[in-house]
Amino acid sequence: MNTALTPLDQSTRPGVMRRAVTSRIFPLIIALAVLMIFFSIQSQYFFTVVNALNIGRQISVVLIVALGITIVLIAGEIDLSMAGVMAVCSIAAGAILQNDGANGSPVNAIITLIACLGIGLAFGLINGLFTVRFRVPSFIVTLGTLSVGTGLALSYNNGEPRAIQSIAFLDIFALGQIAGIPSLLLYPVLAFVICQILLKRTLFGVQLYSVGGNAEASGLAGVPVGRVRVLALVICSVFASLAGVILSARVQSGLPNIATGIELDAIAAAVLGGTRLAGGYGTIVGTVLGAVVIGVVSNGLTLMGIPSPAQSVVKGVVIIAAVVLDRVRNKD
């Protein structure tokens, strides 16, 4: 049987390989492989199914938030309010479920989710309104709503955590399993699919990249720039509210400081994955890889016995490296 390549095959395959090697996420794939080999040598427990599931659980919440911030960054905006949104949602979940009992009701769990998604929607609309209508930079607006959300969460019940005992709620959002897969891991997959559809299969995705690349030209071409920016900020806040529900179920408490600093991890994951801080470019797959890298580093350092303060130093270095990498990419 003749298996010789046709001229088309010969010209196409190197092109595919060239695009793969020169893509923004290729260095990240190499770095991830190196990290996995390194930590596997350092700890016999790293390269196991149990630890892989642990890494998945650790990054699940950050990944959902990172996917939301990716949408915002592509639009040329930024959102720092995620921790505030998650705090309010966590407190709201604890308050709604306080009288639900130990077994709980799936209906109440769904009601809690809907209420928290509504909170995220409200925060997103506020962020979008002030950013677009009043032309306040999204950095300032979301920094303010971060403070508002955190303050509201701390004001309720004098800042005391409220235990969540509803088994139904905990099983649906954190502790349960579906076909042997922890339910906690299914929500990032759902968020990934939604983002991929939005960016690849909808007019909104096309407009999002256009607005982030050149808002003025997009406006002249008839793109509703303000509407796209508002929707991007709404999506980010709604994703943050979902993350707040899931994290509350995981820690089994409504906490006012449940997600302090998560915006840094989320932005770092997005930028490591190739998303431009200036807007106009970003991929969902890249953000997933960025979150995995951060999770692998954190997990590997823990298995090596590195204390938490030292891990924070490493995380800070990763964030700085991500920003520097973004600057270098933009120059290129």
C-alpha atoms as a PDB file:
ATOM      1  CA  MET A   1       0.000   0.000   0.000  1.00  0.00           C
ATOM      2  CA  ASN A   2       1.407   3.391  -1.000  1.00  0.00           C
ATOM      3  CA  THR A   3       1.603   5.724   1.993  1.00  0.00           C
ATOM      4  CA  ALA A   4       3.609   8.501   0.366  1.00  0.00           C
ATOM      5  CA  LEU A   5       2.511  11.990   1.305  1.00  0.00           C
ATOM      6  CA  THR A   6       0.901  14.115  -1.386  1.00  0.00           C
ATOM      7  CA  PRO A   7       2.282  17.636  -1.951  1.00  0.00           C
ATOM      8  CA  LEU A   8      -0.740  18.979  -0.037  1.00  0.00           C
ATOM      9  CA  ASP A   9       0.016  16.730   2.950  1.00  0.00           C
ATOM     10  CA  GLN A  10       3.689  17.702   2.863  1.00  0.00           C
ATOM     11  CA  SER A  11       2.887  21.401   2.874  1.00  0.00           C
ATOM     12  CA  THR A  12       0.061  21.203   5.397  1.00  0.00           C
ATOM     13  CA  ARG A  13       1.612  19.123   8.181  1.00  0.00           C
ATOM     14  CA  PRO A  14       4.664  21.373   8.734  1.00  0.00           C
ATOM     15  CA  GLY A  15       2.282  24.330   8.773  1.00  0.00           C
ATOM     16  CA  VAL A  16       0.215  22.753  11.522  1.00  0.00           C
ATOM     17  CA  MET A  17       3.314  21.918  13.521  1.00  0.00           C
ATOM     18  CA  ARG A  18       4.688  25.423  13.009  1.00  0.00           C
ATOM     19  CA  ARG A  19       1.462  27.008  14.260  1.00  0.00           C
ATOM     20  CA  ALA A  20       1.458  24.717  17.299  1.00  0.00           C
ATOM     21  CA  VAL A  21       5.055  25.502  18.219  1.00  0.00           C
ATOM     22  CA  THR A  22       4.658  29.251  17.728  1.00  0.00           C
ATOM     23  CA  SER A  23       1.317  29.489  19.561  1.00  0.00           C
ATOM     24  CA  ARG A  24       1.115  31.437  22.790  1.00  0.00           C
ATOM     25  CA  ILE A  25       0.310  28.370  24.868  1.00  0.00           C
ATOM     26  CA  PHE A  26       3.122  26.143  23.595  1.00  0.00           C
ATOM     27  CA  PRO A  27       5.702  27.452  26.118  1.00  0.00           C
ATOM     28  CA  LEU A  28       3.090  26.910  28.833  1.00  0.00           C
ATOM     29  CA  ILE A  29       2.631  23.277  27.788  1.00  0.00           C
ATOM     30  CA  ILE A  30       6.399  22.763  27.951  1.00  0.00           C
ATOM     31  CA  ALA A  31       6.570  24.454  31.367  1.00  0.00           C
ATOM     32  CA  LEU A  32       3.732  22.280  32.655  1.00  0.00           C
ATOM     33  CA  ALA A  33       5.460  19.122  31.458  1.00  0.00           C
ATOM     34  CA  VAL A  34       8.730  20.171  33.123  1.00  0.00           C
ATOM     35  CA  LEU A  35       6.942  20.994  36.383  1.00  0.00           C
ATOM     36  CA  MET A  36       5.164  17.644  36.414  1.00  0.00           C
ATOM     37  CA  ILE A  37       8.419  15.761  35.841  1.00  0.00           C
ATOM     38  CA  PHE A  38      10.167  17.783  38.549  1.00  0.00           C
ATOM     39  CA  PHE A  39       7.491  17.269  41.203  1.00  0.00           C
ATOM     40  CA  SER A  40       7.180  13.594  40.283  1.00  0.00           C
ATOM     41  CA  ILE A  41      10.860  13.193  41.093  1.00  0.00           C
ATOM     42  CA  GLN A  42      10.493  15.151  44.321  1.00  0.00           C
ATOM     43  CA  SER A  43       7.456  13.237  45.608  1.00  0.00           C
ATOM     44  CA  GLN A  44       6.201   9.738  44.910  1.00  0.00           C
ATOM     45  CA  TYR A  45       2.649  10.879  45.636  1.00  0.00           C
ATOM     46  CA  PHE A  46       2.507  13.568  42.939  1.00  0.00           C
ATOM     47  CA  PHE A  47       1.865  11.439  39.875  1.00  0.00           C
ATOM     48  CA  THR A  48      -1.143   9.545  41.228  1.00  0.00           C
ATOM     49  CA  VAL A  49      -4.842   9.567  40.397  1.00  0.00           C
ATOM     50  CA  VAL A  50      -5.689  10.678  43.925  1.00  0.00           C
ATOM     51  CA  ASN A  51      -3.379  13.671  43.698  1.00  0.00           C
ATOM     52  CA  ALA A  52      -4.629  14.547  40.213  1.00  0.00           C
ATOM     53  CA  LEU A  53      -8.150  14.726  41.640  1.00  0.00           C
ATOM     54  CA  ASN A  54      -6.816  16.852  44.504  1.00  0.00           C
ATOM     55  CA  ILE A  55      -5.311  19.309  42.029  1.00  0.00           C
ATOM     56  CA  GLY A  56      -8.617  19.382  40.159  1.00  0.00           C
ATOM     57  CA  ARG A  57     -10.487  20.200  43.351  1.00  0.00           C
ATOM     58  CA  GLN A  58      -7.958  22.882  44.296  1.00  0.00           C
ATOM     59  CA  ILE A  59      -8.159  24.726  40.978  1.00  0.00           C
ATOM     60  CA  SER A  60     -11.870  24.229  40.270  1.00  0.00           C
ATOM     61  CA  VAL A  61     -13.022  27.462  41.901  1.00  0.00           C
ATOM     62  CA  VAL A  62     -10.089  29.553  40.646  1.00  0.00           C
ATOM     63  CA  LEU A  63     -10.624  28.204  37.144  1.00  0.00           C
ATOM     64  CA  ILE A  64     -14.269  29.291  37.054  1.00  0.00           C
ATOM     65  CA  VAL A  65     -13.279  32.791  38.168  1.00  0.00           C
ATOM     66  CA  ALA A  66     -10.361  32.821  35.700  1.00  0.00           C
ATOM     67  CA  LEU A  67     -12.662  31.925  32.803  1.00  0.00           C
ATOM     68  CA  GLY A  68     -14.870  34.866  33.734  1.00  0.00           C
ATOM     69  CA  ILE A  69     -11.971  37.296  33.938  1.00  0.00           C
ATOM     70  CA  THR A  70     -10.705  36.028  30.574  1.00  0.00           C
ATOM     71  CA  ILE A  71     -13.920  37.266  28.952  1.00  0.00           C
ATOM     72  CA  VAL A  72     -13.452  40.672  30.573  1.00  0.00           C
ATOM     73  CA  LEU A  73      -9.768  40.960  29.646  1.00  0.00           C
ATOM     74  CA  ILE A  74     -10.476  40.100  26.011  1.00  0.00           C
ATOM     75  CA  ALA A  75     -12.932  43.009  25.990  1.00  0.00           C
ATOM     76  CA  GLY A  76     -10.150  45.329  27.151  1.00  0.00           C
ATOM     77  CA  GLU A  77     -11.551  45.750  30.663  1.00  0.00           C
ATOM     78  CA  ILE A  78     -10.671  44.312  34.080  1.00  0.00           C
ATOM     79  CA  ASP A  79     -12.686  43.077  37.046  1.00  0.00           C
ATOM     80  CA  LEU A  80     -11.301  43.078  40.585  1.00  0.00           C
ATOM     81  CA  SER A  81     -14.617  42.595  42.367  1.00  0.00           C
ATOM     82  CA  MET A  82     -14.758  38.781  42.232  1.00  0.00           C
ATOM     83  CA  ALA A  83     -13.773  38.237  45.872  1.00  0.00           C
ATOM     84  CA  GLY A  84     -16.467  40.690  46.999  1.00  0.00           C
ATOM     85  CA  VAL A  85     -19.117  38.958  44.889  1.00  0.00           C
ATOM     86  CA  MET A  86     -18.083  35.558  46.223  1.00  0.00           C
ATOM     87  CA  ALA A  87     -18.153  36.823  49.815  1.00  0.00           C
ATOM     88  CA  VAL A  88     -21.692  38.165  49.498  1.00  0.00           C
ATOM     89  CA  CYS A  89     -22.838  34.949  47.816  1.00  0.00           C
ATOM     90  CA  SER A  90     -21.238  32.835  50.528  1.00  0.00           C
ATOM     91  CA  ILE A  91     -22.980  34.775  53.277  1.00  0.00           C
ATOM     92  CA  ALA A  92     -26.252  34.640  51.327  1.00  0.00           C
ATOM     93  CA  ALA A  93     -25.938  30.868  50.960  1.00  0.00           C
ATOM     94  CA  GLY A  94     -25.367  30.476  54.690  1.00  0.00           C
ATOM     95  CA  ALA A  95     -28.338  32.696  55.496  1.00  0.00           C
ATOM     96  CA  ILE A  96     -30.740  30.940  53.103  1.00  0.00           C
ATOM     97  CA  LEU A  97     -29.761  27.475  54.297  1.00  0.00           C
ATOM     98  CA  GLN A  98     -29.521  28.209  58.029  1.00  0.00           C
ATOM     99  CA  ASN A  99     -32.878  26.548  58.750  1.00  0.00           C
ATOM    100  CA  ASP A 100     -32.624  23.847  56.100  1.00  0.00           C
ATOM    101  CA  GLY A 101     -31.683  21.059  58.513  1.00  0.00           C
ATOM    102  CA  ALA A 102     -29.025  18.389  58.214  1.00  0.00           C
ATOM    103  CA  ASN A 103     -30.507  16.521  55.244  1.00  0.00           C
ATOM    104  CA  GLY A 104     -31.657  19.632  53.451  1.00  0.00           C
ATOM    105  CA  SER A 105     -33.744  19.982  50.335  1.00  0.00           C
ATOM    106  CA  PRO A 106     -32.486  19.971  46.737  1.00  0.00           C
ATOM    107  CA  VAL A 107     -35.110  22.640  46.023  1.00  0.00           C
ATOM    108  CA  ASN A 108     -33.565  24.945  48.619  1.00  0.00           C
ATOM    109  CA  ALA A 109     -30.131  24.239  47.162  1.00  0.00           C
ATOM    110  CA  ILE A 110     -31.323  25.338  43.714  1.00  0.00           C
ATOM    111  CA  ILE A 111     -33.037  28.388  45.213  1.00  0.00           C
ATOM    112  CA  THR A 112     -29.740  29.290  46.871  1.00  0.00           C
ATOM    113  CA  LEU A 113     -27.936  28.972  43.538  1.00  0.00           C
ATOM    114  CA  ILE A 114     -30.493  31.143  41.734  1.00  0.00           C
ATOM    115  CA  ALA A 115     -30.313  33.802  44.469  1.00  0.00           C
ATOM    116  CA  CYS A 116     -26.520  33.895  44.297  1.00  0.00           C
ATOM    117  CA  LEU A 117     -26.517  34.073  40.505  1.00  0.00           C
ATOM    118  CA  GLY A 118     -28.888  37.019  40.876  1.00  0.00           C
ATOM    119  CA  ILE A 119     -26.386  38.683  43.195  1.00  0.00           C
ATOM    120  CA  GLY A 120     -23.666  38.157  40.612  1.00  0.00           C
ATOM    121  CA  LEU A 121     -25.911  39.579  37.900  1.00  0.00           C
ATOM    122  CA  ALA A 122     -26.564  42.697  40.012  1.00  0.00           C
ATOM    123  CA  PHE A 123     -22.851  43.268  40.662  1.00  0.00           C
ATOM    124  CA  GLY A 124     -22.075  42.791  36.967  1.00  0.00           C
ATOM    125  CA  LEU A 125     -24.733  45.268  35.887  1.00  0.00           C
ATOM    126  CA  ILE A 126     -23.466  47.839  38.387  1.00  0.00           C
ATOM    127  CA  ASN A 127     -19.890  47.362  37.184  1.00  0.00           C
ATOM    128  CA  GLY A 128     -21.010  47.633  33.558  1.00  0.00           C
ATOM    129  CA  LEU A 129     -23.244  50.657  34.121  1.00  0.00           C
ATOM    130  CA  PHE A 130     -20.587  52.762  35.806  1.00  0.00           C
ATOM    131  CA  THR A 131     -17.894  51.649  33.367  1.00  0.00           C
ATOM    132  CA  VAL A 132     -19.885  52.293  30.185  1.00  0.00           C
ATOM    133  CA  ARG A 133     -22.467  54.952  31.033  1.00  0.00           C
ATOM    134  CA  PHE A 134     -20.366  57.098  33.380  1.00  0.00           C
ATOM    135  CA  ARG A 135     -17.030  56.257  31.717  1.00  0.00           C
ATOM    136  CA  VAL A 136     -15.307  55.341  34.972  1.00  0.00           C
ATOM    137  CA  PRO A 137     -12.372  52.966  34.370  1.00  0.00           C
ATOM    138  CA  SER A 138     -13.381  49.396  35.171  1.00  0.00           C
ATOM    139  CA  PHE A 139     -10.328  49.095  37.419  1.00  0.00           C
ATOM    140  CA  ILE A 140     -11.729  51.803  39.706  1.00  0.00           C
ATOM    141  CA  VAL A 141     -15.351  50.643  39.522  1.00  0.00           C
ATOM    142  CA  THR A 142     -14.605  47.012  40.336  1.00  0.00           C
ATOM    143  CA  LEU A 143     -12.144  47.973  43.056  1.00  0.00           C
ATOM    144  CA  GLY A 144     -15.007  49.904  44.619  1.00  0.00           C
ATOM    145  CA  THR A 145     -17.518  47.063  44.285  1.00  0.00           C
ATOM    146  CA  LEU A 146     -14.913  44.704  45.748  1.00  0.00           C
ATOM    147  CA  SER A 147     -14.856  46.906  48.848  1.00  0.00           C
ATOM    148  CA  VAL A 148     -18.662  47.146  48.882  1.00  0.00           C
ATOM    149  CA  GLY A 149     -19.101  43.394  48.634  1.00  0.00           C
ATOM    150  CA  THR A 150     -16.520  42.657  51.285  1.00  0.00           C
ATOM    151  CA  GLY A 151     -18.046  45.253  53.600  1.00  0.00           C
ATOM    152  CA  LEU A 152     -21.562  43.865  53.161  1.00  0.00           C
ATOM    153  CA  ALA A 153     -20.355  40.339  53.886  1.00  0.00           C
ATOM    154  CA  LEU A 154     -18.498  41.437  57.014  1.00  0.00           C
ATOM    155  CA  SER A 155     -21.483  43.464  58.229  1.00  0.00           C
ATOM    156  CA  TYR A 156     -23.850  40.495  58.264  1.00  0.00           C
ATOM    157  CA  ASN A 157     -23.904  38.571  61.555  1.00  0.00           C
ATOM    158  CA  ASN A 158     -20.949  40.658  62.801  1.00  0.00           C
ATOM    159  CA  GLY A 159     -18.682  38.871  60.350  1.00  0.00           C
ATOM    160  CA  GLU A 160     -19.212  35.503  62.018  1.00  0.00           C
ATOM    161  CA  PRO A 161     -19.176  32.445  59.738  1.00  0.00           C
ATOM    162  CA  ARG A 162     -22.377  30.461  59.434  1.00  0.00           C
ATOM    163  CA  ALA A 163     -22.156  26.684  59.130  1.00  0.00           C
ATOM    164  CA  ILE A 164     -23.902  25.045  56.175  1.00  0.00           C
ATOM    165  CA  GLN A 165     -25.254  21.628  57.146  1.00  0.00           C
ATOM    166  CA  SER A 166     -27.576  20.896  54.232  1.00  0.00           C
ATOM    167  CA  ILE A 167     -26.376  17.575  52.816  1.00  0.00           C
ATOM    168  CA  ALA A 168     -28.333  18.192  49.611  1.00  0.00           C
ATOM    169  CA  PHE A 169     -26.525  21.481  49.004  1.00  0.00           C
ATOM    170  CA  LEU A 170     -23.121  20.012  49.849  1.00  0.00           C
ATOM    171  CA  ASP A 171     -23.651  16.977  47.612  1.00  0.00           C
ATOM    172  CA  ILE A 172     -24.862  18.995  44.643  1.00  0.00           C
ATOM    173  CA  PHE A 173     -22.051  21.543  44.702  1.00  0.00           C
ATOM    174  CA  ALA A 174     -19.034  19.870  46.307  1.00  0.00           C
ATOM    175  CA  LEU A 175     -19.143  16.476  47.982  1.00  0.00           C
ATOM    176  CA  GLY A 176     -21.295  14.391  45.636  1.00  0.00           C
ATOM    177  CA  GLN A 177     -20.261  12.280  42.646  1.00  0.00           C
ATOM    178  CA  ILE A 178     -21.712  11.675  39.207  1.00  0.00           C
ATOM    179  CA  ALA A 179     -20.548   8.499  37.445  1.00  0.00           C
ATOM    180  CA  GLY A 180     -17.637   8.378  39.870  1.00  0.00           C
ATOM    181  CA  ILE A 181     -16.545  11.931  39.056  1.00  0.00           C
ATOM    182  CA  PRO A 182     -16.639  14.481  41.907  1.00  0.00           C
ATOM    183  CA  SER A 183     -19.381  17.017  41.265  1.00  0.00           C
ATOM    184  CA  LEU A 184     -16.908  19.743  42.187  1.00  0.00           C
ATOM    185  CA  LEU A 185     -15.017  19.016  38.958  1.00  0.00           C
ATOM    186  CA  LEU A 186     -18.054  19.191  36.705  1.00  0.00           C
ATOM    187  CA  TYR A 187     -18.794  22.890  37.189  1.00  0.00           C
ATOM    188  CA  PRO A 188     -15.470  24.106  35.716  1.00  0.00           C
ATOM    189  CA  VAL A 189     -16.143  21.821  32.741  1.00  0.00           C
ATOM    190  CA  LEU A 190     -19.581  23.402  32.335  1.00  0.00           C
ATOM    191  CA  ALA A 191     -18.069  26.896  32.562  1.00  0.00           C
ATOM    192  CA  PHE A 192     -15.423  25.906  30.002  1.00  0.00           C
ATOM    193  CA  VAL A 193     -18.051  24.677  27.534  1.00  0.00           C
ATOM    194  CA  ILE A 194     -20.149  27.833  27.961  1.00  0.00           C
ATOM    195  CA  CYS A 195     -17.138  30.090  27.363  1.00  0.00           C
ATOM    196  CA  GLN A 196     -16.005  28.104  24.334  1.00  0.00           C
ATOM    197  CA  ILE A 197     -19.461  28.382  22.786  1.00  0.00           C
ATOM    198  CA  LEU A 198     -19.657  32.099  23.547  1.00  0.00           C
ATOM    199  CA  LEU A 199     -16.261  32.867  22.016  1.00  0.00           C
ATOM    200  CA  LYS A 200     -16.286  30.460  19.082  1.00  0.00           C
ATOM    201  CA  ARG A 201     -19.915  30.065  18.084  1.00  0.00           C
ATOM    202  CA  THR A 202     -21.679  33.363  18.731  1.00  0.00           C
ATOM    203  CA  LEU A 203     -21.707  36.887  17.350  1.00  0.00           C
ATOM    204  CA  PHE A 204     -20.892  38.104  20.855  1.00  0.00           C
ATOM    205  CA  GLY A 205     -17.539  36.296  20.675  1.00  0.00           C
ATOM    206  CA  VAL A 206     -16.625  38.023  17.414  1.00  0.00           C
ATOM    207  CA  GLN A 207     -17.665  41.392  18.809  1.00  0.00           C
ATOM    208  CA  LEU A 208     -15.751  40.772  22.046  1.00  0.00           C
ATOM    209  CA  TYR A 209     -12.429  40.317  20.265  1.00  0.00           C
ATOM    210  CA  SER A 210     -13.190  43.268  18.007  1.00  0.00           C
ATOM    211  CA  VAL A 211     -13.962  45.613  20.918  1.00  0.00           C
ATOM    212  CA  GLY A 212     -10.862  44.516  22.833  1.00  0.00           C
ATOM    213  CA  GLY A 213      -8.653  44.958  19.767  1.00  0.00           C
ATOM    214  CA  ASN A 214      -9.941  48.368  18.692  1.00  0.00           C
ATOM    215  CA  ALA A 215     -13.026  49.766  20.385  1.00  0.00           C
ATOM    216  CA  GLU A 216     -13.188  52.925  18.264  1.00  0.00           C
ATOM    217  CA  ALA A 217     -13.042  51.084  14.954  1.00  0.00           C
ATOM    218  CA  SER A 218     -15.570  48.550  16.257  1.00  0.00           C
ATOM    219  CA  GLY A 219     -17.986  51.327  17.130  1.00  0.00           C
ATOM    220  CA  LEU A 220     -17.633  52.847  13.674  1.00  0.00           C
ATOM    221  CA  ALA A 221     -18.348  49.411  12.192  1.00  0.00           C
ATOM    222  CA  GLY A 222     -21.632  49.205  14.089  1.00  0.00           C
ATOM    223  CA  VAL A 223     -20.568  46.990  16.963  1.00  0.00           C
ATOM    224  CA  PRO A 224     -22.461  47.851  20.191  1.00  0.00           C
ATOM    225  CA  VAL A 225     -19.285  48.475  22.189  1.00  0.00           C
ATOM    226  CA  GLY A 226     -21.003  49.445  25.427  1.00  0.00           C
ATOM    227  CA  ARG A 227     -23.332  46.459  25.372  1.00  0.00           C
ATOM    228  CA  VAL A 228     -20.440  44.058  24.760  1.00  0.00           C
ATOM    229  CA  ARG A 229     -18.465  45.480  27.680  1.00  0.00           C
ATOM    230  CA  VAL A 230     -21.446  45.325  30.026  1.00  0.00           C
ATOM    231  CA  LEU A 231     -22.182  41.735  29.060  1.00  0.00           C
ATOM    232  CA  ALA A 232     -18.534  40.772  29.601  1.00  0.00           C
ATOM    233  CA  LEU A 233     -18.585  42.228  33.122  1.00  0.00           C
ATOM    234  CA  VAL A 234     -21.924  40.534  33.846  1.00  0.00           C
ATOM    235  CA  ILE A 235     -20.584  37.146  32.751  1.00  0.00           C
ATOM    236  CA  CYS A 236     -17.548  37.576  34.986  1.00  0.00           C
ATOM    237  CA  SER A 237     -19.660  38.431  38.039  1.00  0.00           C
ATOM    238  CA  VAL A 238     -22.089  35.577  37.403  1.00  0.00           C
ATOM    239  CA  PHE A 239     -19.178  33.142  37.162  1.00  0.00           C
ATOM    240  CA  ALA A 240     -17.810  34.573  40.416  1.00  0.00           C
ATOM    241  CA  SER A 241     -21.178  34.007  42.105  1.00  0.00           C
ATOM    242  CA  LEU A 242     -21.187  30.372  40.948  1.00  0.00           C
ATOM    243  CA  ALA A 243     -17.655  30.011  42.290  1.00  0.00           C
ATOM    244  CA  GLY A 244     -18.815  31.477  45.613  1.00  0.00           C
ATOM    245  CA  VAL A 245     -21.571  28.876  45.895  1.00  0.00           C
ATOM    246  CA  ILE A 246     -19.202  26.014  45.103  1.00  0.00           C
ATOM    247  CA  LEU A 247     -16.511  27.222  47.495  1.00  0.00           C
ATOM    248  CA  SER A 248     -19.077  27.672  50.278  1.00  0.00           C
ATOM    249  CA  ALA A 249     -20.186  24.076  49.763  1.00  0.00           C
ATOM    250  CA  ARG A 250     -16.599  22.891  49.809  1.00  0.00           C
ATOM    251  CA  VAL A 251     -15.763  24.590  53.135  1.00  0.00           C
ATOM    252  CA  GLN A 252     -19.321  23.953  54.415  1.00  0.00           C
ATOM    253  CA  SER A 253     -19.654  27.511  55.688  1.00  0.00           C
ATOM    254  CA  GLY A 254     -20.776  30.955  54.716  1.00  0.00           C
ATOM    255  CA  LEU A 255     -17.633  33.040  55.182  1.00  0.00           C
ATOM    256  CA  PRO A 256     -17.173  36.802  54.680  1.00  0.00           C
ATOM    257  CA  ASN A 257     -13.519  36.371  53.699  1.00  0.00           C
ATOM    258  CA  ILE A 258     -13.952  33.185  51.700  1.00  0.00           C
ATOM    259  CA  ALA A 259     -12.107  34.298  48.568  1.00  0.00           C
ATOM    260  CA  THR A 260      -9.625  36.978  49.597  1.00  0.00           C
ATOM    261  CA  GLY A 261      -7.002  37.436  46.884  1.00  0.00           C
ATOM    262  CA  ILE A 262      -8.619  35.077  44.368  1.00  0.00           C
ATOM    263  CA  GLU A 263      -8.628  37.807  41.722  1.00  0.00           C
ATOM    264  CA  LEU A 264      -4.823  37.673  41.604  1.00  0.00           C
ATOM    265  CA  ASP A 265      -4.779  33.928  40.963  1.00  0.00           C
ATOM    266  CA  ALA A 266      -7.499  34.266  38.332  1.00  0.00           C
ATOM    267  CA  ILE A 267      -5.776  37.083  36.446  1.00  0.00           C
ATOM    268  CA  ALA A 268      -2.445  35.255  36.652  1.00  0.00           C
ATOM    269  CA  ALA A 269      -4.032  32.107  35.189  1.00  0.00           C
ATOM    270  CA  ALA A 270      -5.572  34.078  32.322  1.00  0.00           C
ATOM    271  CA  VAL A 271      -2.391  35.999  31.493  1.00  0.00           C
ATOM    272  CA  LEU A 272      -0.204  32.895  31.795  1.00  0.00           C
ATOM    273  CA  GLY A 273      -2.577  31.303  29.307  1.00  0.00           C
ATOM    274  CA  GLY A 274      -1.913  34.021  26.755  1.00  0.00           C
ATOM    275  CA  THR A 275      -4.708  36.517  27.408  1.00  0.00           C
ATOM    276  CA  ARG A 276      -3.591  40.090  26.762  1.00  0.00           C
ATOM    277  CA  LEU A 277      -4.087  42.553  29.578  1.00  0.00           C
ATOM    278  CA  ALA A 278      -4.621  45.208  26.910  1.00  0.00           C
ATOM    279  CA  GLY A 279      -7.474  43.222  25.364  1.00  0.00           C
ATOM    280  CA  GLY A 280      -8.198  41.755  21.968  1.00  0.00           C
ATOM    281  CA  TYR A 281      -6.732  38.303  22.485  1.00  0.00           C
ATOM    282  CA  GLY A 282      -7.252  35.323  24.761  1.00  0.00           C
ATOM    283  CA  THR A 283      -8.230  31.676  24.678  1.00  0.00           C
ATOM    284  CA  ILE A 284     -10.227  29.544  27.072  1.00  0.00           C
ATOM    285  CA  VAL A 285      -7.857  26.602  26.607  1.00  0.00           C
ATOM    286  CA  GLY A 286      -4.928  28.838  27.521  1.00  0.00           C
ATOM    287  CA  THR A 287      -6.641  29.977  30.711  1.00  0.00           C
ATOM    288  CA  VAL A 288      -7.282  26.359  31.692  1.00  0.00           C
ATOM    289  CA  LEU A 289      -3.597  25.569  31.199  1.00  0.00           C
ATOM    290  CA  GLY A 290      -2.620  28.645  33.215  1.00  0.00           C
ATOM    291  CA  ALA A 291      -4.840  27.559  36.107  1.00  0.00           C
ATOM    292  CA  VAL A 292      -3.428  24.030  35.940  1.00  0.00           C
ATOM    293  CA  VAL A 293       0.136  25.375  36.103  1.00  0.00           C
ATOM    294  CA  ILE A 294      -0.685  27.428  39.199  1.00  0.00           C
ATOM    295  CA  GLY A 295      -2.421  24.430  40.764  1.00  0.00           C
ATOM    296  CA  VAL A 296       0.464  22.096  39.992  1.00  0.00           C
ATOM    297  CA  VAL A 297       2.975  24.509  41.491  1.00  0.00           C
ATOM    298  CA  SER A 298       0.923  24.941  44.671  1.00  0.00           C
ATOM    299  CA  ASN A 299       0.281  21.216  45.037  1.00  0.00           C
ATOM    300  CA  GLY A 300       3.863  20.252  44.294  1.00  0.00           C
ATOM    301  CA  LEU A 301       5.287  22.712  46.813  1.00  0.00           C
ATOM    302  CA  THR A 302       2.871  21.400  49.447  1.00  0.00           C
ATOM    303  CA  LEU A 303       3.992  17.817  48.827  1.00  0.00           C
ATOM    304  CA  MET A 304       7.607  18.979  49.159  1.00  0.00           C
ATOM    305  CA  GLY A 305       6.801  20.424  52.580  1.00  0.00           C
ATOM    306  CA  ILE A 306       7.270  24.064  51.540  1.00  0.00           C
ATOM    307  CA  PRO A 307       5.468  26.303  54.080  1.00  0.00           C
ATOM    308  CA  SER A 308       2.554  28.509  53.037  1.00  0.00           C
ATOM    309  CA  PRO A 309       4.435  31.849  53.316  1.00  0.00           C
ATOM    310  CA  ALA A 310       7.082  30.593  50.923  1.00  0.00           C
ATOM    311  CA  GLN A 311       4.358  29.420  48.555  1.00  0.00           C
ATOM    312  CA  SER A 312       2.919  32.931  48.581  1.00  0.00           C
ATOM    313  CA  VAL A 313       6.316  34.249  47.507  1.00  0.00           C
ATOM    314  CA  VAL A 314       6.411  31.784  44.622  1.00  0.00           C
ATOM    315  CA  LYS A 315       2.866  32.726  43.639  1.00  0.00           C
ATOM    316  CA  GLY A 316       3.851  36.395  43.608  1.00  0.00           C
ATOM    317  CA  VAL A 317       6.794  35.612  41.350  1.00  0.00           C
ATOM    318  CA  VAL A 318       4.455  33.711  39.006  1.00  0.00           C
ATOM    319  CA  ILE A 319       2.101  36.707  38.827  1.00  0.00           C
ATOM    320  CA  ILE A 320       4.967  39.097  38.035  1.00  0.00           C
ATOM    321  CA  ALA A 321       6.306  36.669  35.442  1.00  0.00           C
ATOM    322  CA  ALA A 322       2.858  36.486  33.854  1.00  0.00           C
ATOM    323  CA  VAL A 323       2.671  40.279  33.493  1.00  0.00           C
ATOM    324  CA  VAL A 324       6.222  40.472  32.111  1.00  0.00           C
ATOM    325  CA  LEU A 325       5.397  37.692  29.664  1.00  0.00           C
ATOM    326  CA  ASP A 326       2.339  39.630  28.527  1.00  0.00           C
ATOM    327  CA  ARG A 327       4.469  42.716  27.893  1.00  0.00           C
ATOM    328  CA  VAL A 328       7.008  40.706  25.893  1.00  0.00           C
ATOM    329  CA  ARG A 329       4.254  39.120  23.793  1.00  0.00           C
ATOM    330  CA  ASN A 330       2.759  42.502  22.980  1.00  0.00           C
ATOM    331  CA  LYS A 331       6.148  43.829  21.825  1.00  0.00           C
ATOM    332  CA  ASP A 332       6.528  40.821  19.572  1.00  0.00           C
END
